[in-house]
Protein backbone atom coordinates (compact mmCIF):
# COMPACT_ATOMS: atom_id res chain seq x y z
CA UNK A 1 7.28 35.04 -42.60
CA UNK A 2 7.15 36.70 -46.01
CA UNK A 3 4.46 39.32 -46.44
CA UNK A 4 2.73 39.10 -49.79
CA UNK A 5 1.92 42.17 -51.83
CA UNK A 6 -1.74 43.16 -51.59
CA UNK A 7 -2.95 44.29 -55.00
CA UNK A 8 -6.02 46.03 -56.38
CA UNK A 9 -6.77 46.15 -60.11
CA UNK A 10 -8.21 49.20 -61.85
CA UNK A 11 -9.93 48.42 -65.17
CA UNK A 12 -9.43 51.47 -67.34
CA UNK A 13 -9.78 52.91 -70.85
CA UNK A 14 -9.70 56.46 -72.20
CA UNK A 15 -12.43 58.84 -71.11
CA UNK A 16 -12.79 57.72 -67.49
CA UNK A 17 -14.32 60.14 -64.99
CA UNK A 18 -11.19 61.85 -63.62
CA UNK A 19 -12.12 61.92 -59.92
CA UNK A 20 -13.58 58.38 -59.97
CA UNK A 21 -10.13 57.12 -60.93
CA UNK A 22 -7.89 59.54 -59.04
CA UNK A 23 -9.56 59.48 -55.64
CA UNK A 24 -9.99 55.69 -55.25
CA UNK A 25 -6.50 55.09 -56.71
CA UNK A 26 -4.91 57.46 -54.19
CA UNK A 27 -6.94 56.04 -51.30
CA UNK A 28 -6.03 52.45 -52.19
CA UNK A 29 -2.30 53.23 -52.31
CA UNK A 30 -2.48 55.40 -49.16
CA UNK A 31 -3.95 52.39 -47.36
CA UNK A 32 -0.97 50.18 -48.27
CA UNK A 33 -2.22 48.38 -51.36
CA UNK A 34 -0.51 48.22 -54.74
CA UNK A 35 -2.79 49.60 -57.45
CA UNK A 36 -2.31 48.15 -60.92
CA UNK A 37 -3.97 49.65 -63.97
CA UNK A 38 -5.22 47.11 -66.48
CA UNK A 39 -6.27 48.28 -69.92
CA UNK A 40 -6.81 46.85 -73.36
CA UNK A 41 -3.07 47.28 -74.03
CA UNK A 42 0.08 47.51 -71.90
CA UNK A 43 1.90 50.82 -71.28
CA UNK A 44 -0.70 53.06 -72.95
CA UNK A 45 -1.38 56.52 -71.58
CA UNK A 46 -5.08 57.01 -70.85
CA UNK A 47 -6.66 60.43 -70.37
CA UNK A 48 -9.60 61.31 -68.16
CA UNK A 49 -12.66 62.80 -69.85
CA UNK A 50 -12.06 66.17 -68.17
CA UNK A 51 -8.39 66.06 -69.14
CA UNK A 52 -7.11 66.78 -65.61
CA UNK A 53 -5.12 63.55 -65.24
CA UNK A 54 -3.55 60.71 -67.19
CA UNK A 55 -2.56 57.22 -66.15
CA UNK A 56 -0.45 54.65 -67.97
CA UNK A 57 -1.57 51.04 -67.97
CA UNK A 58 0.67 48.56 -66.19
CA UNK A 59 -0.56 45.61 -68.23
CA UNK A 60 -3.07 44.50 -70.80
CA UNK A 61 -6.16 42.54 -69.85
CA UNK A 62 -4.65 39.57 -71.72
CA UNK A 63 -1.77 39.54 -69.22
CA UNK A 64 -3.95 39.94 -66.11
CA UNK A 65 -4.95 37.14 -63.75
CA UNK A 66 -7.92 37.80 -61.45
CA UNK A 67 -6.36 35.56 -58.77
CA UNK A 68 -3.61 38.17 -58.26
CA UNK A 69 -6.02 40.79 -56.86
CA UNK A 70 -7.97 41.33 -53.67
CA UNK A 71 -10.29 43.78 -55.40
CA UNK A 72 -11.13 45.27 -58.77
CA UNK A 73 -12.17 48.89 -59.19
CA UNK A 74 -14.09 50.09 -62.25
CA UNK A 75 -14.19 53.89 -62.57
CA UNK A 76 -17.03 55.41 -64.57
CA UNK A 77 -17.19 57.94 -67.35
CA UNK A 78 -16.75 56.65 -70.91
CA UNK A 79 -14.14 54.05 -69.92
CA UNK A 80 -16.57 51.18 -69.16
CA UNK A 81 -18.30 51.61 -72.52
CA UNK A 82 -14.91 51.17 -74.25
CA UNK A 83 -14.23 47.98 -72.27
CA UNK A 84 -17.68 46.43 -72.85
CA UNK A 85 -16.86 44.68 -76.10
CA UNK A 86 -13.66 43.05 -74.85
CA UNK A 87 -14.41 39.44 -73.96
CA UNK A 88 -11.18 39.18 -71.92
CA UNK A 89 -12.41 42.00 -69.63
CA UNK A 90 -15.78 40.29 -69.17
CA UNK A 91 -14.13 36.93 -68.46
CA UNK A 92 -11.75 38.58 -65.95
CA UNK A 93 -14.82 39.89 -64.08
CA UNK A 94 -16.59 36.52 -64.23
CA UNK A 95 -13.57 34.75 -62.74
CA UNK A 96 -13.20 37.41 -60.03
CA UNK A 97 -16.87 37.04 -59.15
CA UNK A 98 -16.60 33.23 -58.95
CA UNK A 99 -13.71 33.67 -56.51
CA UNK A 100 -15.68 36.22 -54.44
CA UNK A 101 -13.14 38.99 -55.14
CA UNK A 102 -14.49 42.44 -54.30
CA UNK A 103 -15.61 44.28 -57.44
CA UNK A 104 -16.22 48.00 -56.92
CA UNK A 105 -17.91 49.83 -59.78
CA UNK A 106 -19.03 53.45 -59.88
CA UNK A 107 -21.16 55.52 -62.29
CA UNK A 108 -21.10 53.67 -65.66
CA UNK A 109 -18.89 50.91 -64.20
CA UNK A 110 -21.77 48.57 -63.31
CA UNK A 111 -22.46 48.27 -67.06
CA UNK A 112 -19.47 45.93 -67.23
CA UNK A 113 -20.97 43.71 -64.54
CA UNK A 114 -24.20 43.58 -66.50
CA UNK A 115 -22.46 42.83 -69.81
CA UNK A 116 -20.50 40.04 -68.08
CA UNK A 117 -23.83 38.46 -67.07
CA UNK A 118 -23.34 39.18 -63.37
CA UNK A 119 -26.30 41.51 -62.72
CA UNK A 120 -29.06 38.89 -62.46
CA UNK A 121 -30.71 39.15 -59.03
CA UNK A 122 -28.00 41.47 -57.67
CA UNK A 123 -28.63 44.79 -55.94
CA UNK A 124 -26.74 47.75 -57.38
CA UNK A 125 -26.64 51.47 -57.92
CA UNK A 126 -25.11 53.41 -60.80
CA UNK A 127 -25.39 56.57 -62.83
CA UNK A 128 -29.16 56.89 -63.30
CA UNK A 129 -28.81 56.99 -67.09
CA UNK A 130 -27.63 53.37 -67.24
CA UNK A 131 -29.74 51.92 -64.42
CA UNK A 132 -32.53 50.79 -66.73
CA UNK A 133 -30.09 48.98 -69.01
CA UNK A 134 -28.64 47.07 -66.06
CA UNK A 135 -32.12 46.33 -64.70
CA UNK A 136 -33.00 44.73 -68.06
CA UNK A 137 -30.27 42.19 -67.29
CA UNK A 138 -31.92 41.36 -63.95
CA UNK A 139 -30.19 43.84 -61.63
CA UNK A 140 -32.22 45.47 -58.85
CA UNK A 141 -31.56 49.23 -58.77
CA UNK A 142 -31.52 51.44 -55.65
CA UNK A 143 -30.92 55.18 -55.78
CA UNK A 144 -28.40 55.22 -52.90
CA UNK A 145 -24.86 56.52 -52.37
CA UNK A 146 -23.43 53.02 -52.09
CA UNK A 147 -24.94 49.55 -52.44
CA UNK A 148 -23.13 46.43 -51.26
CA UNK A 149 -24.33 43.04 -52.48
CA UNK A 150 -22.05 40.14 -51.58
CA UNK A 151 -18.74 41.00 -53.31
CA UNK A 152 -20.10 44.00 -55.28
CA UNK A 153 -19.73 47.61 -54.17
CA UNK A 154 -21.51 50.10 -56.45
CA UNK A 155 -22.08 53.85 -56.38
CA UNK A 156 -23.85 56.49 -58.49
CA UNK A 157 -21.11 58.99 -59.31
CA UNK A 158 -18.52 61.52 -58.09
CA UNK A 159 -20.80 62.80 -55.31
CA UNK A 160 -20.68 59.32 -53.74
CA UNK A 161 -16.92 58.76 -53.93
CA UNK A 162 -16.29 59.05 -50.15
CA UNK A 163 -18.81 56.25 -49.45
CA UNK A 164 -17.57 54.18 -52.40
CA UNK A 165 -13.94 54.46 -51.30
CA UNK A 166 -14.72 53.80 -47.63
CA UNK A 167 -16.74 50.67 -48.40
CA UNK A 168 -14.15 49.34 -50.87
CA UNK A 169 -11.33 49.77 -48.35
CA UNK A 170 -13.46 48.23 -45.59
CA UNK A 171 -14.04 45.17 -47.82
CA UNK A 172 -10.25 44.87 -48.13
CA UNK A 173 -10.04 44.57 -44.37
CA UNK A 174 -8.38 47.93 -43.86
CA UNK A 175 -9.48 50.97 -41.88
CA UNK A 176 -9.79 53.91 -44.29
CA UNK A 177 -7.12 56.57 -43.70
């Protein structure tokens, strides 16, 4: 029997919150998954907003297929705002949602879910500064460390990373290491 590679996509642009990328990325790979970074362009180095880390995209959103992933992680910071206007990113999320793929978004990340039209009637949490904007699109905000609603896992920010990571890994059917 051939074992298939288990992959998790990270949607990323410049200015992401350093720890919200680094910590989930390391946890995902430590738990046996392949993490692939998808950006607006292939093989572009992206820098965190604090400048402590950089990552290079593996592929562009135009090359990505949602069916290839068991989960999608959206780190916060300024990255989601740079991805908001890309229709291919929004369509990638819509397809993933239709297929019930886990979508984990932290801090500003839930803005992408809202922009993709996926917030209506869904429970979420996020950075408090964007909660009202998402609520305008029909999302129901809770000020909690992590909120799970069907295939969505959302968190407020860096202080909630342990809960965010644990719940994301649990959704992948793994026991967090």
